[in-house]
Amino acid sequence: MEDNIVLMDCEERMEKSISSFAESLMKVKTGRASAGLVRDVEIDYWGTPTPLYQVSNISTPDATQIVIKPYDKNQLKEIEKSIINADLGFTPINDGTVIRCNIPQLTGETRAKLVKECYKMAENAKVAVRNIRRDAIAELKKDKSIPEDTERALEDDVQKLTDNATKKIDQLVKAKESELTTI
Protein backbone atom coordinates (compact mmCIF):
# COMPACT_ATOMS: atom_id res chain seq x y z
CA MET A 1 0.00 0.00 0.00
CA GLU A 2 3.03 2.29 -0.25
CA ASP A 3 1.73 3.32 -3.68
CA ASN A 4 -1.37 4.87 -2.05
CA ILE A 5 0.91 6.88 0.22
CA VAL A 6 2.75 8.18 -2.84
CA LEU A 7 -0.57 9.24 -4.42
CA MET A 8 -1.84 10.88 -1.22
CA ASP A 9 1.46 12.73 -0.75
CA CYS A 10 1.37 13.85 -4.38
CA GLU A 11 -2.20 15.12 -4.05
CA GLU A 12 -1.43 16.92 -0.78
CA ARG A 13 1.64 18.64 -2.23
CA MET A 14 -0.29 19.72 -5.33
CA GLU A 15 -3.09 21.18 -3.16
CA LYS A 16 -0.47 23.13 -1.20
CA SER A 17 0.94 24.50 -4.46
CA ILE A 18 -2.53 25.58 -5.56
CA SER A 19 -3.21 27.21 -2.17
CA SER A 20 0.09 29.06 -2.32
CA PHE A 21 -0.74 30.28 -5.83
CA ALA A 22 -4.20 31.43 -4.71
CA GLU A 23 -2.62 33.38 -1.83
CA SER A 24 -0.19 35.00 -4.23
CA LEU A 25 -3.07 36.05 -6.48
CA MET A 26 -4.85 37.68 -3.52
CA LYS A 27 -1.89 40.03 -3.13
CA VAL A 28 -2.17 41.31 -6.70
CA LYS A 29 -3.96 44.64 -6.52
CA THR A 30 -6.98 45.01 -8.71
CA GLY A 31 -7.88 48.63 -8.12
CA ARG A 32 -10.37 47.48 -5.52
CA ALA A 33 -9.77 47.50 -1.80
CA SER A 34 -8.97 44.13 -0.28
CA ALA A 35 -7.68 43.24 3.16
CA GLY A 36 -5.30 40.82 1.42
CA LEU A 37 -3.27 43.78 0.13
CA VAL A 38 -2.05 44.73 3.61
CA ARG A 39 -2.79 41.58 5.59
CA ASP A 40 0.78 40.25 5.66
CA VAL A 41 2.63 43.56 5.99
CA GLU A 42 4.91 43.08 8.98
CA ILE A 43 5.22 45.71 11.68
CA ASP A 44 7.70 45.98 14.52
CA TYR A 45 5.39 45.16 17.43
CA TRP A 46 7.42 45.87 20.55
CA GLY A 47 10.58 44.51 18.94
CA THR A 48 8.96 41.50 17.24
CA PRO A 49 8.10 41.40 13.51
CA THR A 50 4.35 40.70 13.44
CA PRO A 51 1.87 40.49 10.55
CA LEU A 52 -0.58 43.39 10.48
CA TYR A 53 -3.65 41.17 10.76
CA GLN A 54 -2.48 40.02 14.23
CA VAL A 55 -2.34 43.51 15.72
CA SER A 56 -5.30 45.20 14.06
CA ASN A 57 -8.73 44.88 12.53
CA ILE A 58 -8.59 45.31 8.74
CA SER A 59 -11.78 46.21 6.90
CA THR A 60 -12.90 47.54 3.53
CA PRO A 61 -15.86 49.89 3.98
CA ASP A 62 -16.05 50.45 0.22
CA ALA A 63 -14.30 49.34 -2.98
CA THR A 64 -11.65 52.06 -2.84
CA GLN A 65 -10.57 52.15 0.81
CA ILE A 66 -8.93 49.92 3.40
CA VAL A 67 -9.36 50.85 7.07
CA ILE A 68 -6.91 49.52 9.64
CA LYS A 69 -7.89 49.85 13.28
CA PRO A 70 -5.07 48.72 15.59
CA TYR A 71 -5.91 47.02 18.87
CA ASP A 72 -3.24 49.22 20.48
CA LYS A 73 -3.42 52.89 19.39
CA ASN A 74 0.28 53.30 20.23
CA GLN A 75 1.05 51.24 17.11
CA LEU A 76 -0.50 53.69 14.62
CA LYS A 77 2.83 55.28 13.65
CA GLU A 78 4.53 51.89 13.35
CA ILE A 79 1.74 50.53 11.12
CA GLU A 80 1.83 53.65 8.96
CA LYS A 81 5.62 53.39 8.58
CA SER A 82 5.42 49.67 7.69
CA ILE A 83 2.80 50.26 5.00
CA ILE A 84 4.92 53.02 3.46
CA ASN A 85 8.01 50.78 3.54
CA ALA A 86 6.07 47.91 1.94
CA ASP A 87 5.71 50.09 -1.20
CA LEU A 88 2.20 48.90 -2.02
CA GLY A 89 1.35 51.78 -4.35
CA PHE A 90 -0.78 53.78 -1.94
CA THR A 91 -0.17 56.11 0.99
CA PRO A 92 -1.68 55.47 4.43
CA ILE A 93 -3.57 58.31 6.11
CA ASN A 94 -3.33 58.33 9.91
CA ASP A 95 -6.25 60.18 11.56
CA GLY A 96 -5.24 59.36 15.16
CA THR A 97 -7.61 56.43 15.64
CA VAL A 98 -7.46 54.46 12.38
CA ILE A 99 -5.34 54.31 9.25
CA ARG A 100 -7.10 54.74 5.92
CA CYS A 101 -5.58 53.62 2.65
CA ASN A 102 -7.21 54.93 -0.52
CA ILE A 103 -6.63 52.54 -3.42
CA PRO A 104 -5.88 54.36 -6.68
CA GLN A 105 -7.65 53.28 -9.87
CA LEU A 106 -5.54 51.22 -12.25
CA THR A 107 -4.78 52.38 -15.78
CA GLY A 108 -5.35 50.08 -18.75
CA GLU A 109 -1.61 49.63 -19.14
CA THR A 110 -1.19 48.70 -15.47
CA ARG A 111 -4.07 46.22 -15.71
CA ALA A 112 -2.45 44.53 -18.72
CA LYS A 113 0.87 44.34 -16.89
CA LEU A 114 -0.80 42.80 -13.84
CA VAL A 115 -2.63 40.21 -15.97
CA LYS A 116 0.70 39.28 -17.56
CA GLU A 117 2.25 38.96 -14.07
CA CYS A 118 -0.63 36.71 -12.96
CA TYR A 119 -0.05 34.41 -15.92
CA LYS A 120 3.66 34.19 -15.06
CA MET A 121 2.70 33.24 -11.51
CA ALA A 122 0.30 30.62 -12.91
CA GLU A 123 3.04 29.14 -15.08
CA ASN A 124 5.35 28.93 -12.05
CA ALA A 125 2.59 27.13 -10.12
CA LYS A 126 2.14 24.69 -13.01
CA VAL A 127 5.89 24.03 -13.05
CA ALA A 128 5.72 23.25 -9.33
CA VAL A 129 2.84 20.82 -9.96
CA ARG A 130 4.74 19.12 -12.79
CA ASN A 131 7.80 18.79 -10.53
CA ILE A 132 5.59 17.09 -7.93
CA ARG A 133 4.32 14.74 -10.67
CA ARG A 134 7.90 13.94 -11.69
CA ASP A 135 8.87 13.18 -8.07
CA ALA A 136 5.83 10.94 -7.56
CA ILE A 137 6.50 8.95 -10.72
CA ALA A 138 10.18 8.57 -9.78
CA GLU A 139 9.09 7.30 -6.36
CA LEU A 140 6.79 4.74 -8.00
CA LYS A 141 9.52 3.55 -10.39
CA LYS A 142 11.94 3.20 -7.48
CA ASP A 143 9.65 0.66 -5.79
CA LYS A 144 10.47 -2.62 -7.59
CA SER A 145 7.75 -4.56 -5.73
CA ILE A 146 4.99 -2.87 -7.78
CA PRO A 147 3.91 -4.88 -10.85
CA GLU A 148 4.40 -3.11 -14.18
CA ASP A 149 0.69 -2.79 -15.02
CA THR A 150 -0.08 -1.43 -11.53
CA GLU A 151 2.76 1.06 -11.92
CA ARG A 152 1.28 2.29 -15.22
CA ALA A 153 -2.15 2.63 -13.61
CA LEU A 154 -0.64 4.62 -10.73
CA GLU A 155 1.23 6.84 -13.17
CA ASP A 156 -2.10 7.50 -14.90
CA ASP A 157 -3.59 8.44 -11.50
CA VAL A 158 -0.70 10.84 -10.88
CA GLN A 159 -1.29 12.36 -14.32
CA LYS A 160 -5.01 12.81 -13.52
CA LEU A 161 -4.05 14.61 -10.30
CA THR A 162 -1.69 16.80 -12.32
CA ASP A 163 -4.38 17.60 -14.89
CA ASN A 164 -6.87 18.52 -12.15
CA ALA A 165 -4.33 20.75 -10.41
CA THR A 166 -3.47 22.47 -13.69
CA LYS A 167 -7.17 23.00 -14.39
CA LYS A 168 -7.66 24.61 -10.94
CA ILE A 169 -4.68 26.92 -11.55
CA ASP A 170 -6.14 27.92 -14.93
CA GLN A 171 -9.53 28.64 -13.33
CA LEU A 172 -7.93 30.79 -10.62
CA VAL A 173 -5.90 32.85 -13.09
CA LYS A 174 -8.90 33.32 -15.41
CA ALA A 175 -10.98 34.57 -12.47
CA LYS A 176 -8.20 36.99 -11.49
CA GLU A 177 -7.89 38.18 -15.10
CA SER A 178 -11.62 38.83 -15.17
CA GLU A 179 -11.36 40.73 -11.90
CA LEU A 180 -8.46 42.82 -13.21
CA THR A 181 -10.01 43.68 -16.55
CA THR A 182 -13.45 44.57 -15.16
CA ILE A 183 -13.55 48.29 -14.49
C-alpha atoms as a PDB file:
ATOM      1  CA  MET A   1       0.000   0.000   0.000  1.00  0.00           C
ATOM      2  CA  GLU A   2       3.034   2.291  -0.247  1.00  0.00           C
ATOM      3  CA  ASP A   3       1.730   3.316  -3.683  1.00  0.00           C
ATOM      4  CA  ASN A   4      -1.374   4.869  -2.050  1.00  0.00           C
ATOM      5  CA  ILE A   5       0.906   6.878   0.215  1.00  0.00           C
ATOM      6  CA  VAL A   6       2.752   8.183  -2.835  1.00  0.00           C
ATOM      7  CA  LEU A   7      -0.568   9.239  -4.422  1.00  0.00           C
ATOM      8  CA  MET A   8      -1.840  10.883  -1.222  1.00  0.00           C
ATOM      9  CA  ASP A   9       1.456  12.727  -0.751  1.00  0.00           C
ATOM     10  CA  CYS A  10       1.375  13.852  -4.380  1.00  0.00           C
ATOM     11  CA  GLU A  11      -2.198  15.118  -4.054  1.00  0.00           C
ATOM     12  CA  GLU A  12      -1.431  16.919  -0.784  1.00  0.00           C
ATOM     13  CA  ARG A  13       1.639  18.641  -2.229  1.00  0.00           C
ATOM     14  CA  MET A  14      -0.293  19.722  -5.334  1.00  0.00           C
ATOM     15  CA  GLU A  15      -3.086  21.179  -3.164  1.00  0.00           C
ATOM     16  CA  LYS A  16      -0.469  23.133  -1.197  1.00  0.00           C
ATOM     17  CA  SER A  17       0.939  24.500  -4.462  1.00  0.00           C
ATOM     18  CA  ILE A  18      -2.530  25.581  -5.564  1.00  0.00           C
ATOM     19  CA  SER A  19      -3.210  27.208  -2.174  1.00  0.00           C
ATOM     20  CA  SER A  20       0.087  29.057  -2.325  1.00  0.00           C
ATOM     21  CA  PHE A  21      -0.742  30.281  -5.825  1.00  0.00           C
ATOM     22  CA  ALA A  22      -4.202  31.428  -4.714  1.00  0.00           C
ATOM     23  CA  GLU A  23      -2.624  33.376  -1.829  1.00  0.00           C
ATOM     24  CA  SER A  24      -0.191  35.000  -4.228  1.00  0.00           C
ATOM     25  CA  LEU A  25      -3.070  36.053  -6.475  1.00  0.00           C
ATOM     26  CA  MET A  26      -4.846  37.675  -3.525  1.00  0.00           C
ATOM     27  CA  LYS A  27      -1.889  40.027  -3.132  1.00  0.00           C
ATOM     28  CA  VAL A  28      -2.174  41.313  -6.702  1.00  0.00           C
ATOM     29  CA  LYS A  29      -3.961  44.638  -6.520  1.00  0.00           C
ATOM     30  CA  THR A  30      -6.983  45.009  -8.713  1.00  0.00           C
ATOM     31  CA  GLY A  31      -7.881  48.630  -8.120  1.00  0.00           C
ATOM     32  CA  ARG A  32     -10.371  47.485  -5.516  1.00  0.00           C
ATOM     33  CA  ALA A  33      -9.767  47.498  -1.798  1.00  0.00           C
ATOM     34  CA  SER A  34      -8.971  44.132  -0.277  1.00  0.00           C
ATOM     35  CA  ALA A  35      -7.680  43.241   3.164  1.00  0.00           C
ATOM     36  CA  GLY A  36      -5.295  40.821   1.417  1.00  0.00           C
ATOM     37  CA  LEU A  37      -3.273  43.776   0.129  1.00  0.00           C
ATOM     38  CA  VAL A  38      -2.047  44.733   3.608  1.00  0.00           C
ATOM     39  CA  ARG A  39      -2.787  41.582   5.591  1.00  0.00           C
ATOM     40  CA  ASP A  40       0.776  40.253   5.661  1.00  0.00           C
ATOM     41  CA  VAL A  41       2.630  43.560   5.993  1.00  0.00           C
ATOM     42  CA  GLU A  42       4.913  43.085   8.978  1.00  0.00           C
ATOM     43  CA  ILE A  43       5.224  45.706  11.679  1.00  0.00           C
ATOM     44  CA  ASP A  44       7.698  45.980  14.519  1.00  0.00           C
ATOM     45  CA  TYR A  45       5.389  45.162  17.433  1.00  0.00           C
ATOM     46  CA  TRP A  46       7.422  45.873  20.546  1.00  0.00           C
ATOM     47  CA  GLY A  47      10.578  44.508  18.937  1.00  0.00           C
ATOM     48  CA  THR A  48       8.961  41.497  17.241  1.00  0.00           C
ATOM     49  CA  PRO A  49       8.101  41.398  13.508  1.00  0.00           C
ATOM     50  CA  THR A  50       4.353  40.699  13.442  1.00  0.00           C
ATOM     51  CA  PRO A  51       1.868  40.493  10.550  1.00  0.00           C
ATOM     52  CA  LEU A  52      -0.578  43.388  10.477  1.00  0.00           C
ATOM     53  CA  TYR A  53      -3.651  41.167  10.764  1.00  0.00           C
ATOM     54  CA  GLN A  54      -2.477  40.018  14.227  1.00  0.00           C
ATOM     55  CA  VAL A  55      -2.339  43.512  15.717  1.00  0.00           C
ATOM     56  CA  SER A  56      -5.300  45.201  14.056  1.00  0.00           C
ATOM     57  CA  ASN A  57      -8.726  44.880  12.529  1.00  0.00           C
ATOM     58  CA  ILE A  58      -8.585  45.309   8.743  1.00  0.00           C
ATOM     59  CA  SER A  59     -11.782  46.209   6.901  1.00  0.00           C
ATOM     60  CA  THR A  60     -12.896  47.541   3.530  1.00  0.00           C
ATOM     61  CA  PRO A  61     -15.861  49.892   3.979  1.00  0.00           C
ATOM     62  CA  ASP A  62     -16.051  50.445   0.215  1.00  0.00           C
ATOM     63  CA  ALA A  63     -14.302  49.343  -2.977  1.00  0.00           C
ATOM     64  CA  THR A  64     -11.654  52.059  -2.837  1.00  0.00           C
ATOM     65  CA  GLN A  65     -10.570  52.149   0.807  1.00  0.00           C
ATOM     66  CA  ILE A  66      -8.931  49.920   3.402  1.00  0.00           C
ATOM     67  CA  VAL A  67      -9.364  50.851   7.068  1.00  0.00           C
ATOM     68  CA  ILE A  68      -6.909  49.522   9.637  1.00  0.00           C
ATOM     69  CA  LYS A  69      -7.888  49.853  13.282  1.00  0.00           C
ATOM     70  CA  PRO A  70      -5.071  48.716  15.591  1.00  0.00           C
ATOM     71  CA  TYR A  71      -5.912  47.018  18.869  1.00  0.00           C
ATOM     72  CA  ASP A  72      -3.238  49.216  20.482  1.00  0.00           C
ATOM     73  CA  LYS A  73      -3.423  52.892  19.387  1.00  0.00           C
ATOM     74  CA  ASN A  74       0.280  53.297  20.231  1.00  0.00           C
ATOM     75  CA  GLN A  75       1.049  51.241  17.112  1.00  0.00           C
ATOM     76  CA  LEU A  76      -0.503  53.688  14.616  1.00  0.00           C
ATOM     77  CA  LYS A  77       2.828  55.282  13.646  1.00  0.00           C
ATOM     78  CA  GLU A  78       4.530  51.895  13.347  1.00  0.00           C
ATOM     79  CA  ILE A  79       1.736  50.532  11.122  1.00  0.00           C
ATOM     80  CA  GLU A  80       1.830  53.653   8.961  1.00  0.00           C
ATOM     81  CA  LYS A  81       5.620  53.386   8.577  1.00  0.00           C
ATOM     82  CA  SER A  82       5.419  49.670   7.691  1.00  0.00           C
ATOM     83  CA  ILE A  83       2.798  50.256   4.995  1.00  0.00           C
ATOM     84  CA  ILE A  84       4.917  53.020   3.463  1.00  0.00           C
ATOM     85  CA  ASN A  85       8.013  50.779   3.543  1.00  0.00           C
ATOM     86  CA  ALA A  86       6.075  47.905   1.940  1.00  0.00           C
ATOM     87  CA  ASP A  87       5.712  50.086  -1.197  1.00  0.00           C
ATOM     88  CA  LEU A  88       2.197  48.904  -2.018  1.00  0.00           C
ATOM     89  CA  GLY A  89       1.352  51.779  -4.345  1.00  0.00           C
ATOM     90  CA  PHE A  90      -0.777  53.783  -1.941  1.00  0.00           C
ATOM     91  CA  THR A  91      -0.172  56.110   0.988  1.00  0.00           C
ATOM     92  CA  PRO A  92      -1.677  55.467   4.426  1.00  0.00           C
ATOM     93  CA  ILE A  93      -3.574  58.313   6.114  1.00  0.00           C
ATOM     94  CA  ASN A  94      -3.334  58.327   9.911  1.00  0.00           C
ATOM     95  CA  ASP A  95      -6.247  60.185  11.562  1.00  0.00           C
ATOM     96  CA  GLY A  96      -5.237  59.360  15.156  1.00  0.00           C
ATOM     97  CA  THR A  97      -7.612  56.430  15.635  1.00  0.00           C
ATOM     98  CA  VAL A  98      -7.457  54.457  12.382  1.00  0.00           C
ATOM     99  CA  ILE A  99      -5.336  54.312   9.253  1.00  0.00           C
ATOM    100  CA  ARG A 100      -7.101  54.737   5.916  1.00  0.00           C
ATOM    101  CA  CYS A 101      -5.576  53.625   2.646  1.00  0.00           C
ATOM    102  CA  ASN A 102      -7.214  54.928  -0.522  1.00  0.00           C
ATOM    103  CA  ILE A 103      -6.632  52.545  -3.417  1.00  0.00           C
ATOM    104  CA  PRO A 104      -5.879  54.363  -6.680  1.00  0.00           C
ATOM    105  CA  GLN A 105      -7.650  53.276  -9.873  1.00  0.00           C
ATOM    106  CA  LEU A 106      -5.543  51.222 -12.252  1.00  0.00           C
ATOM    107  CA  THR A 107      -4.778  52.380 -15.776  1.00  0.00           C
ATOM    108  CA  GLY A 108      -5.352  50.085 -18.748  1.00  0.00           C
ATOM    109  CA  GLU A 109      -1.611  49.630 -19.144  1.00  0.00           C
ATOM    110  CA  THR A 110      -1.191  48.698 -15.472  1.00  0.00           C
ATOM    111  CA  ARG A 111      -4.073  46.222 -15.713  1.00  0.00           C
ATOM    112  CA  ALA A 112      -2.455  44.534 -18.724  1.00  0.00           C
ATOM    113  CA  LYS A 113       0.870  44.341 -16.894  1.00  0.00           C
ATOM    114  CA  LEU A 114      -0.799  42.795 -13.836  1.00  0.00           C
ATOM    115  CA  VAL A 115      -2.627  40.212 -15.974  1.00  0.00           C
ATOM    116  CA  LYS A 116       0.703  39.275 -17.557  1.00  0.00           C
ATOM    117  CA  GLU A 117       2.250  38.959 -14.075  1.00  0.00           C
ATOM    118  CA  CYS A 118      -0.629  36.705 -12.962  1.00  0.00           C
ATOM    119  CA  TYR A 119      -0.052  34.409 -15.920  1.00  0.00           C
ATOM    120  CA  LYS A 120       3.660  34.193 -15.059  1.00  0.00           C
ATOM    121  CA  MET A 121       2.704  33.242 -11.510  1.00  0.00           C
ATOM    122  CA  ALA A 122       0.297  30.621 -12.912  1.00  0.00           C
ATOM    123  CA  GLU A 123       3.039  29.141 -15.080  1.00  0.00           C
ATOM    124  CA  ASN A 124       5.350  28.927 -12.047  1.00  0.00           C
ATOM    125  CA  ALA A 125       2.588  27.135 -10.121  1.00  0.00           C
ATOM    126  CA  LYS A 126       2.136  24.690 -13.013  1.00  0.00           C
ATOM    127  CA  VAL A 127       5.892  24.025 -13.055  1.00  0.00           C
ATOM    128  CA  ALA A 128       5.716  23.248  -9.327  1.00  0.00           C
ATOM    129  CA  VAL A 129       2.838  20.815  -9.960  1.00  0.00           C
ATOM    130  CA  ARG A 130       4.742  19.123 -12.788  1.00  0.00           C
ATOM    131  CA  ASN A 131       7.795  18.788 -10.535  1.00  0.00           C
ATOM    132  CA  ILE A 132       5.593  17.093  -7.931  1.00  0.00           C
ATOM    133  CA  ARG A 133       4.324  14.743 -10.666  1.00  0.00           C
ATOM    134  CA  ARG A 134       7.901  13.941 -11.693  1.00  0.00           C
ATOM    135  CA  ASP A 135       8.871  13.184  -8.072  1.00  0.00           C
ATOM    136  CA  ALA A 136       5.826  10.944  -7.556  1.00  0.00           C
ATOM    137  CA  ILE A 137       6.497   8.946 -10.716  1.00  0.00           C
ATOM    138  CA  ALA A 138      10.176   8.575  -9.779  1.00  0.00           C
ATOM    139  CA  GLU A 139       9.091   7.299  -6.358  1.00  0.00           C
ATOM    140  CA  LEU A 140       6.789   4.744  -8.003  1.00  0.00           C
ATOM    141  CA  LYS A 141       9.517   3.555 -10.389  1.00  0.00           C
ATOM    142  CA  LYS A 142      11.940   3.199  -7.484  1.00  0.00           C
ATOM    143  CA  ASP A 143       9.650   0.655  -5.785  1.00  0.00           C
ATOM    144  CA  LYS A 144      10.465  -2.618  -7.586  1.00  0.00           C
ATOM    145  CA  SER A 145       7.746  -4.557  -5.729  1.00  0.00           C
ATOM    146  CA  ILE A 146       4.988  -2.866  -7.784  1.00  0.00           C
ATOM    147  CA  PRO A 147       3.913  -4.877 -10.853  1.00  0.00           C
ATOM    148  CA  GLU A 148       4.402  -3.108 -14.183  1.00  0.00           C
ATOM    149  CA  ASP A 149       0.690  -2.791 -15.020  1.00  0.00           C
ATOM    150  CA  THR A 150      -0.081  -1.432 -11.535  1.00  0.00           C
ATOM    151  CA  GLU A 151       2.762   1.058 -11.920  1.00  0.00           C
ATOM    152  CA  ARG A 152       1.283   2.295 -15.216  1.00  0.00           C
ATOM    153  CA  ALA A 153      -2.154   2.632 -13.614  1.00  0.00           C
ATOM    154  CA  LEU A 154      -0.644   4.615 -10.733  1.00  0.00           C
ATOM    155  CA  GLU A 155       1.232   6.838 -13.170  1.00  0.00           C
ATOM    156  CA  ASP A 156      -2.103   7.501 -14.897  1.00  0.00           C
ATOM    157  CA  ASP A 157      -3.592   8.437 -11.504  1.00  0.00           C
ATOM    158  CA  VAL A 158      -0.702  10.835 -10.882  1.00  0.00           C
ATOM    159  CA  GLN A 159      -1.288  12.357 -14.322  1.00  0.00           C
ATOM    160  CA  LYS A 160      -5.005  12.808 -13.518  1.00  0.00           C
ATOM    161  CA  LEU A 161      -4.052  14.607 -10.301  1.00  0.00           C
ATOM    162  CA  THR A 162      -1.688  16.804 -12.319  1.00  0.00           C
ATOM    163  CA  ASP A 163      -4.380  17.595 -14.894  1.00  0.00           C
ATOM    164  CA  ASN A 164      -6.872  18.517 -12.152  1.00  0.00           C
ATOM    165  CA  ALA A 165      -4.333  20.747 -10.414  1.00  0.00           C
ATOM    166  CA  THR A 166      -3.466  22.471 -13.689  1.00  0.00           C
ATOM    167  CA  LYS A 167      -7.172  23.005 -14.395  1.00  0.00           C
ATOM    168  CA  LYS A 168      -7.657  24.605 -10.942  1.00  0.00           C
ATOM    169  CA  ILE A 169      -4.684  26.919 -11.549  1.00  0.00           C
ATOM    170  CA  ASP A 170      -6.140  27.925 -14.930  1.00  0.00           C
ATOM    171  CA  GLN A 171      -9.525  28.641 -13.326  1.00  0.00           C
ATOM    172  CA  LEU A 172      -7.930  30.791 -10.621  1.00  0.00           C
ATOM    173  CA  VAL A 173      -5.900  32.848 -13.086  1.00  0.00           C
ATOM    174  CA  LYS A 174      -8.901  33.316 -15.411  1.00  0.00           C
ATOM    175  CA  ALA A 175     -10.982  34.569 -12.465  1.00  0.00           C
ATOM    176  CA  LYS A 176      -8.200  36.993 -11.490  1.00  0.00           C
ATOM    177  CA  GLU A 177      -7.889  38.183 -15.102  1.00  0.00           C
ATOM    178  CA  SER A 178     -11.622  38.830 -15.167  1.00  0.00           C
ATOM    179  CA  GLU A 179     -11.362  40.729 -11.896  1.00  0.00           C
ATOM    180  CA  LEU A 180      -8.456  42.820 -13.208  1.00  0.00           C
ATOM    181  CA  THR A 181     -10.005  43.678 -16.548  1.00  0.00           C
ATOM    182  CA  THR A 182     -13.446  44.570 -15.158  1.00  0.00           C
ATOM    183  CA  ILE A 183     -13.552  48.288 -14.486  1.00  0.00           C
END
